[in-house]
Amino acid sequence: MKLRMDRTLRFWVDVAYDDIRSEHPNRTKRQLIARILREFEGCGDAMRCLNANGTITWKASPQCLERLADAERDAEDELKDCF
């Protein structure tokens, strides 16, 4: 079964996967991604939902998206200060 995720969440899951894959050489990529999704869900960064076909998908939570938007605004402000 394929784990379906939105683009934003897929990016951050891939980043987390790159960080932990060397620590768990005996685990499959699917096992590590499932673990990452559970951790993200536990801290409120991801949420499960059903798509139109009734299959489970994962999305970045509104809190996660807001935090990312804040970080982007901060980075843009710092960039403006440099010029």
N, C-alpha and C. Protein backbone atom coordinates (compact mmCIF):
# COMPACT_ATOMS: atom_id res chain seq x y z
N MET A 1 0.84 -1.17 0.00
CA MET A 1 0.00 0.00 0.00
C MET A 1 0.88 1.24 0.00
N LYS A 2 0.60 2.14 -0.90
CA LYS A 2 1.38 3.36 -1.03
C LYS A 2 0.90 4.40 -0.02
N LEU A 3 1.85 5.10 0.59
CA LEU A 3 1.50 6.18 1.52
C LEU A 3 1.33 7.46 0.70
N ARG A 4 0.13 7.99 0.69
CA ARG A 4 -0.17 9.18 -0.09
C ARG A 4 -0.03 10.41 0.79
N MET A 5 0.70 11.40 0.26
CA MET A 5 0.94 12.64 1.02
C MET A 5 0.84 13.84 0.09
N ASP A 6 0.51 14.98 0.67
CA ASP A 6 0.54 16.19 -0.14
C ASP A 6 2.00 16.61 -0.34
N ARG A 7 2.22 17.53 -1.25
CA ARG A 7 3.57 17.91 -1.64
C ARG A 7 4.41 18.47 -0.48
N THR A 8 3.81 19.32 0.30
CA THR A 8 4.53 19.94 1.41
C THR A 8 4.99 18.89 2.41
N LEU A 9 4.08 18.03 2.79
CA LEU A 9 4.42 17.00 3.77
C LEU A 9 5.45 16.02 3.19
N ARG A 10 5.32 15.67 1.92
CA ARG A 10 6.28 14.76 1.28
C ARG A 10 7.69 15.34 1.36
N PHE A 11 7.82 16.65 1.13
CA PHE A 11 9.14 17.28 1.20
C PHE A 11 9.74 17.11 2.59
N TRP A 12 8.98 17.42 3.63
CA TRP A 12 9.50 17.35 4.99
C TRP A 12 9.72 15.92 5.46
N VAL A 13 8.92 14.99 4.98
CA VAL A 13 9.14 13.58 5.30
C VAL A 13 10.44 13.11 4.64
N ASP A 14 10.68 13.54 3.41
CA ASP A 14 11.93 13.17 2.73
C ASP A 14 13.15 13.73 3.46
N VAL A 15 13.04 14.94 3.95
CA VAL A 15 14.14 15.54 4.72
C VAL A 15 14.39 14.73 5.99
N ALA A 16 13.33 14.40 6.70
CA ALA A 16 13.47 13.61 7.93
C ALA A 16 14.02 12.22 7.62
N TYR A 17 13.57 11.63 6.53
CA TYR A 17 14.06 10.30 6.13
C TYR A 17 15.56 10.34 5.89
N ASP A 18 16.03 11.35 5.18
CA ASP A 18 17.48 11.48 4.93
C ASP A 18 18.26 11.60 6.23
N ASP A 19 17.65 12.23 7.24
CA ASP A 19 18.33 12.41 8.53
C ASP A 19 18.42 11.11 9.33
N ILE A 20 17.43 10.23 9.23
CA ILE A 20 17.42 9.06 10.12
C ILE A 20 17.74 7.72 9.46
N ARG A 21 17.84 7.69 8.14
CA ARG A 21 18.02 6.39 7.48
C ARG A 21 19.32 5.70 7.86
N SER A 22 20.39 6.46 8.11
CA SER A 22 21.66 5.83 8.49
C SER A 22 21.63 5.28 9.92
N GLU A 23 20.73 5.80 10.74
CA GLU A 23 20.62 5.33 12.12
C GLU A 23 19.85 4.01 12.22
N HIS A 24 19.09 3.67 11.19
CA HIS A 24 18.25 2.46 11.19
C HIS A 24 18.46 1.66 9.90
N PRO A 25 19.63 1.05 9.74
CA PRO A 25 19.91 0.34 8.49
C PRO A 25 19.07 -0.91 8.28
N ASN A 26 18.49 -1.46 9.32
CA ASN A 26 17.70 -2.69 9.20
C ASN A 26 16.24 -2.43 8.83
N ARG A 27 15.84 -1.18 8.81
CA ARG A 27 14.44 -0.83 8.52
C ARG A 27 14.27 -0.48 7.05
N THR A 28 13.12 -0.80 6.51
CA THR A 28 12.83 -0.43 5.13
C THR A 28 12.45 1.05 5.06
N LYS A 29 12.49 1.59 3.86
CA LYS A 29 12.10 2.99 3.67
C LYS A 29 10.65 3.19 4.12
N ARG A 30 9.79 2.25 3.77
CA ARG A 30 8.38 2.35 4.15
C ARG A 30 8.21 2.38 5.67
N GLN A 31 8.95 1.54 6.39
CA GLN A 31 8.87 1.52 7.85
C GLN A 31 9.31 2.85 8.43
N LEU A 32 10.39 3.40 7.89
CA LEU A 32 10.89 4.68 8.40
C LEU A 32 9.92 5.82 8.09
N ILE A 33 9.35 5.81 6.91
CA ILE A 33 8.39 6.86 6.57
C ILE A 33 7.15 6.76 7.44
N ALA A 34 6.68 5.55 7.70
CA ALA A 34 5.53 5.38 8.60
C ALA A 34 5.86 5.91 9.99
N ARG A 35 7.06 5.65 10.45
CA ARG A 35 7.49 6.15 11.77
C ARG A 35 7.52 7.67 11.78
N ILE A 36 8.06 8.26 10.72
CA ILE A 36 8.13 9.72 10.63
C ILE A 36 6.73 10.32 10.63
N LEU A 37 5.82 9.72 9.86
CA LEU A 37 4.45 10.24 9.82
C LEU A 37 3.78 10.16 11.19
N ARG A 38 4.01 9.08 11.92
CA ARG A 38 3.44 8.97 13.28
C ARG A 38 4.01 10.06 14.18
N GLU A 39 5.31 10.31 14.07
CA GLU A 39 5.93 11.37 14.89
C GLU A 39 5.37 12.74 14.51
N PHE A 40 5.26 13.00 13.20
CA PHE A 40 4.70 14.27 12.75
C PHE A 40 3.26 14.44 13.23
N GLU A 41 2.49 13.36 13.17
CA GLU A 41 1.11 13.41 13.62
C GLU A 41 1.05 13.67 15.12
N GLY A 42 1.94 13.03 15.86
CA GLY A 42 1.97 13.19 17.31
C GLY A 42 2.27 14.61 17.76
N CYS A 43 3.12 15.30 17.01
CA CYS A 43 3.46 16.67 17.39
C CYS A 43 2.59 17.71 16.68
N GLY A 44 1.62 17.24 15.89
CA GLY A 44 0.67 18.16 15.28
C GLY A 44 1.07 18.71 13.93
N ASP A 45 2.12 18.16 13.31
CA ASP A 45 2.56 18.66 12.01
C ASP A 45 1.89 17.96 10.83
N ALA A 46 1.26 16.82 11.07
CA ALA A 46 0.60 16.07 9.99
C ALA A 46 -0.75 15.57 10.48
N MET A 47 -1.62 15.32 9.50
CA MET A 47 -2.93 14.77 9.85
C MET A 47 -3.38 13.81 8.75
N ARG A 48 -4.12 12.81 9.16
CA ARG A 48 -4.68 11.84 8.22
C ARG A 48 -6.06 12.31 7.79
N CYS A 49 -6.39 12.02 6.54
CA CYS A 49 -7.74 12.32 6.05
C CYS A 49 -8.08 11.34 4.93
N LEU A 50 -9.32 11.36 4.51
CA LEU A 50 -9.76 10.50 3.41
C LEU A 50 -9.91 11.34 2.15
N ASN A 51 -9.43 10.80 1.04
CA ASN A 51 -9.62 11.51 -0.23
C ASN A 51 -10.98 11.11 -0.82
N ALA A 52 -11.26 11.56 -2.02
CA ALA A 52 -12.56 11.31 -2.66
C ALA A 52 -12.80 9.82 -2.90
N ASN A 53 -11.73 9.05 -3.03
CA ASN A 53 -11.86 7.61 -3.26
C ASN A 53 -11.99 6.82 -1.97
N GLY A 54 -11.91 7.48 -0.84
CA GLY A 54 -12.02 6.81 0.44
C GLY A 54 -10.72 6.20 0.94
N THR A 55 -9.60 6.58 0.34
CA THR A 55 -8.31 6.07 0.81
C THR A 55 -7.66 7.10 1.74
N ILE A 56 -6.85 6.61 2.63
CA ILE A 56 -6.19 7.49 3.61
C ILE A 56 -5.06 8.25 2.93
N THR A 57 -5.04 9.54 3.17
CA THR A 57 -3.96 10.39 2.72
C THR A 57 -3.45 11.19 3.90
N TRP A 58 -2.26 11.71 3.77
CA TRP A 58 -1.64 12.52 4.81
C TRP A 58 -1.45 13.93 4.28
N LYS A 59 -1.72 14.90 5.14
CA LYS A 59 -1.55 16.30 4.77
C LYS A 59 -0.80 17.02 5.89
N ALA A 60 -0.11 18.07 5.50
CA ALA A 60 0.49 18.95 6.50
C ALA A 60 -0.65 19.64 7.24
N SER A 61 -0.55 19.73 8.55
CA SER A 61 -1.61 20.34 9.34
C SER A 61 -1.62 21.86 9.15
N PRO A 62 -2.73 22.50 9.45
CA PRO A 62 -2.78 23.96 9.35
C PRO A 62 -1.71 24.64 10.22
N GLN A 63 -1.43 24.07 11.40
CA GLN A 63 -0.40 24.64 12.26
C GLN A 63 0.97 24.56 11.60
N CYS A 64 1.25 23.45 10.96
CA CYS A 64 2.52 23.28 10.26
C CYS A 64 2.64 24.28 9.12
N LEU A 65 1.58 24.42 8.35
CA LEU A 65 1.60 25.35 7.22
C LEU A 65 1.77 26.79 7.70
N GLU A 66 1.15 27.13 8.81
CA GLU A 66 1.30 28.48 9.36
C GLU A 66 2.73 28.72 9.83
N ARG A 67 3.31 27.74 10.48
CA ARG A 67 4.69 27.85 10.94
C ARG A 67 5.66 28.01 9.75
N LEU A 68 5.41 27.27 8.67
CA LEU A 68 6.24 27.39 7.48
C LEU A 68 6.08 28.77 6.83
N ALA A 69 4.85 29.28 6.80
CA ALA A 69 4.61 30.60 6.24
C ALA A 69 5.32 31.67 7.07
N ASP A 70 5.29 31.54 8.39
CA ASP A 70 6.01 32.48 9.26
C ASP A 70 7.51 32.44 8.99
N ALA A 71 8.05 31.24 8.84
CA ALA A 71 9.48 31.09 8.57
C ALA A 71 9.84 31.70 7.22
N GLU A 72 8.96 31.56 6.24
CA GLU A 72 9.21 32.15 4.92
C GLU A 72 9.20 33.68 4.99
N ARG A 73 8.24 34.23 5.73
CA ARG A 73 8.18 35.69 5.90
C ARG A 73 9.43 36.19 6.61
N ASP A 74 9.87 35.49 7.64
CA ASP A 74 11.09 35.88 8.36
C ASP A 74 12.31 35.86 7.44
N ALA A 75 12.41 34.83 6.61
CA ALA A 75 13.54 34.74 5.67
C ALA A 75 13.50 35.86 4.65
N GLU A 76 12.31 36.19 4.16
CA GLU A 76 12.19 37.30 3.21
C GLU A 76 12.57 38.61 3.86
N ASP A 77 12.17 38.82 5.12
CA ASP A 77 12.53 40.04 5.84
C ASP A 77 14.04 40.15 6.02
N GLU A 78 14.67 39.02 6.36
CA GLU A 78 16.13 39.03 6.53
C GLU A 78 16.83 39.30 5.21
N LEU A 79 16.28 38.77 4.13
CA LEU A 79 16.86 39.01 2.81
C LEU A 79 16.75 40.48 2.43
N LYS A 80 15.61 41.11 2.73
CA LYS A 80 15.43 42.54 2.44
C LYS A 80 16.42 43.38 3.22
N ASP A 81 16.73 42.97 4.45
CA ASP A 81 17.67 43.71 5.28
C ASP A 81 19.09 43.67 4.72
N CYS A 82 19.39 42.65 3.93
CA CYS A 82 20.73 42.50 3.36
C CYS A 82 20.96 43.43 2.18
N PHE A 83 19.88 43.90 1.56
CA PHE A 83 20.06 44.74 0.37
C PHE A 83 19.70 46.16 0.63
